Amino acid sequence: MEPKKTPRVLQKNIEFFTAALSQHLVSVWQEDPTGVYCEIGSGYIELFSSEMIRVRNQDGTQSHYDRNITMFQLITKDQPI
């Protein structure tokens, strides 16, 4: 039995750069009012700064997320979309 892989959380600029360059699918998470993280979107990183991340959603639209309150995880082949 293979060990379960832990989702990789993106935090450093180099991690966002690599995900954007390789066009890896990422999931986007934010805390709800009770403090529980909920997935609010997914897509491909197009642009990032120290304040915000721009994601191209799978339907082609763009979303902007505040980097300080949002968690980004790489979606691997082992994870459901």
Protein backbone atom coordinates (compact mmCIF):
# COMPACT_ATOMS: atom_id res chain seq x y z
CA MET A 1 0.00 0.00 0.00
CA GLU A 2 1.40 3.37 -1.05
CA PRO A 3 1.51 6.18 1.51
CA LYS A 4 -1.04 8.91 0.90
CA LYS A 5 0.53 12.03 -0.56
CA THR A 6 0.07 15.31 1.29
CA PRO A 7 -1.20 18.10 -0.95
CA ARG A 8 1.57 20.58 -1.75
CA VAL A 9 0.76 24.08 -0.56
CA LEU A 10 2.29 26.94 -2.55
CA GLN A 11 3.80 29.72 -0.43
CA LYS A 12 7.07 30.95 -1.91
CA ASN A 13 7.47 33.04 -5.07
CA ILE A 14 9.54 30.27 -6.68
CA GLU A 15 6.69 27.79 -6.07
CA PHE A 16 4.17 30.12 -7.74
CA PHE A 17 6.62 30.76 -10.59
CA THR A 18 7.17 27.02 -11.15
CA ALA A 19 3.42 26.27 -11.05
CA ALA A 20 2.74 29.09 -13.52
CA LEU A 21 5.54 28.06 -15.87
CA SER A 22 4.57 24.38 -15.85
CA GLN A 23 0.83 25.19 -16.00
CA HIS A 24 0.00 22.92 -13.07
CA LEU A 25 -3.62 23.00 -11.97
CA VAL A 26 -4.03 24.55 -8.52
CA SER A 27 -6.95 24.58 -6.10
CA VAL A 28 -7.80 27.78 -4.23
CA TRP A 29 -8.93 27.74 -0.58
CA GLN A 30 -10.16 30.38 1.87
CA GLU A 31 -11.46 30.21 5.43
CA ASP A 32 -15.18 30.44 6.01
CA PRO A 33 -16.59 32.45 8.96
CA THR A 34 -16.13 29.45 11.28
CA GLY A 35 -12.41 29.12 10.42
CA VAL A 36 -12.73 26.06 8.18
CA TYR A 37 -10.90 26.13 4.83
CA CYS A 38 -13.21 25.62 1.84
CA GLU A 39 -12.23 25.22 -1.80
CA ILE A 40 -13.46 28.24 -3.72
CA GLY A 41 -11.91 27.64 -7.12
CA SER A 42 -9.25 26.06 -9.27
CA GLY A 43 -7.25 26.95 -12.32
CA TYR A 44 -3.83 27.97 -13.59
CA ILE A 45 -1.65 30.70 -12.14
CA GLU A 46 -1.16 33.50 -14.65
CA LEU A 47 0.32 36.28 -12.54
CA PHE A 48 1.50 36.70 -8.97
CA SER A 49 2.83 39.42 -6.71
CA SER A 50 3.45 39.72 -2.99
CA GLU A 51 -0.20 40.82 -2.56
CA MET A 52 -2.27 38.90 -5.09
CA ILE A 53 -2.49 35.87 -7.36
CA ARG A 54 -4.35 35.88 -10.68
CA VAL A 55 -5.78 32.50 -11.66
CA ARG A 56 -7.20 31.53 -15.06
CA ASN A 57 -10.19 29.38 -14.22
CA GLN A 58 -10.92 26.24 -16.19
CA ASP A 59 -13.74 28.06 -18.02
CA GLY A 60 -11.27 30.73 -19.21
CA THR A 61 -12.33 33.50 -16.83
CA GLN A 62 -9.87 35.16 -14.47
CA SER A 63 -10.05 35.46 -10.68
CA HIS A 64 -7.86 37.52 -8.37
CA TYR A 65 -7.10 36.33 -4.84
CA ASP A 66 -5.51 38.09 -1.88
CA ARG A 67 -2.36 36.13 -1.16
CA ASN A 68 -2.55 36.83 2.60
CA ILE A 69 -5.93 35.15 3.12
CA THR A 70 -5.88 32.45 0.44
CA MET A 71 -4.22 29.03 0.32
CA PHE A 72 -3.12 27.50 -2.99
CA GLN A 73 -2.49 23.78 -3.47
CA LEU A 74 -1.14 21.87 -6.45
CA ILE A 75 -3.66 19.38 -7.79
CA THR A 76 -1.88 16.12 -8.44
CA LYS A 77 -3.10 13.21 -10.51
CA ASP A 78 -3.91 11.38 -7.25
CA GLN A 79 -6.35 14.09 -6.13
CA PRO A 80 -9.88 14.48 -7.45
CA ILE A 81 -10.64 17.73 -9.24
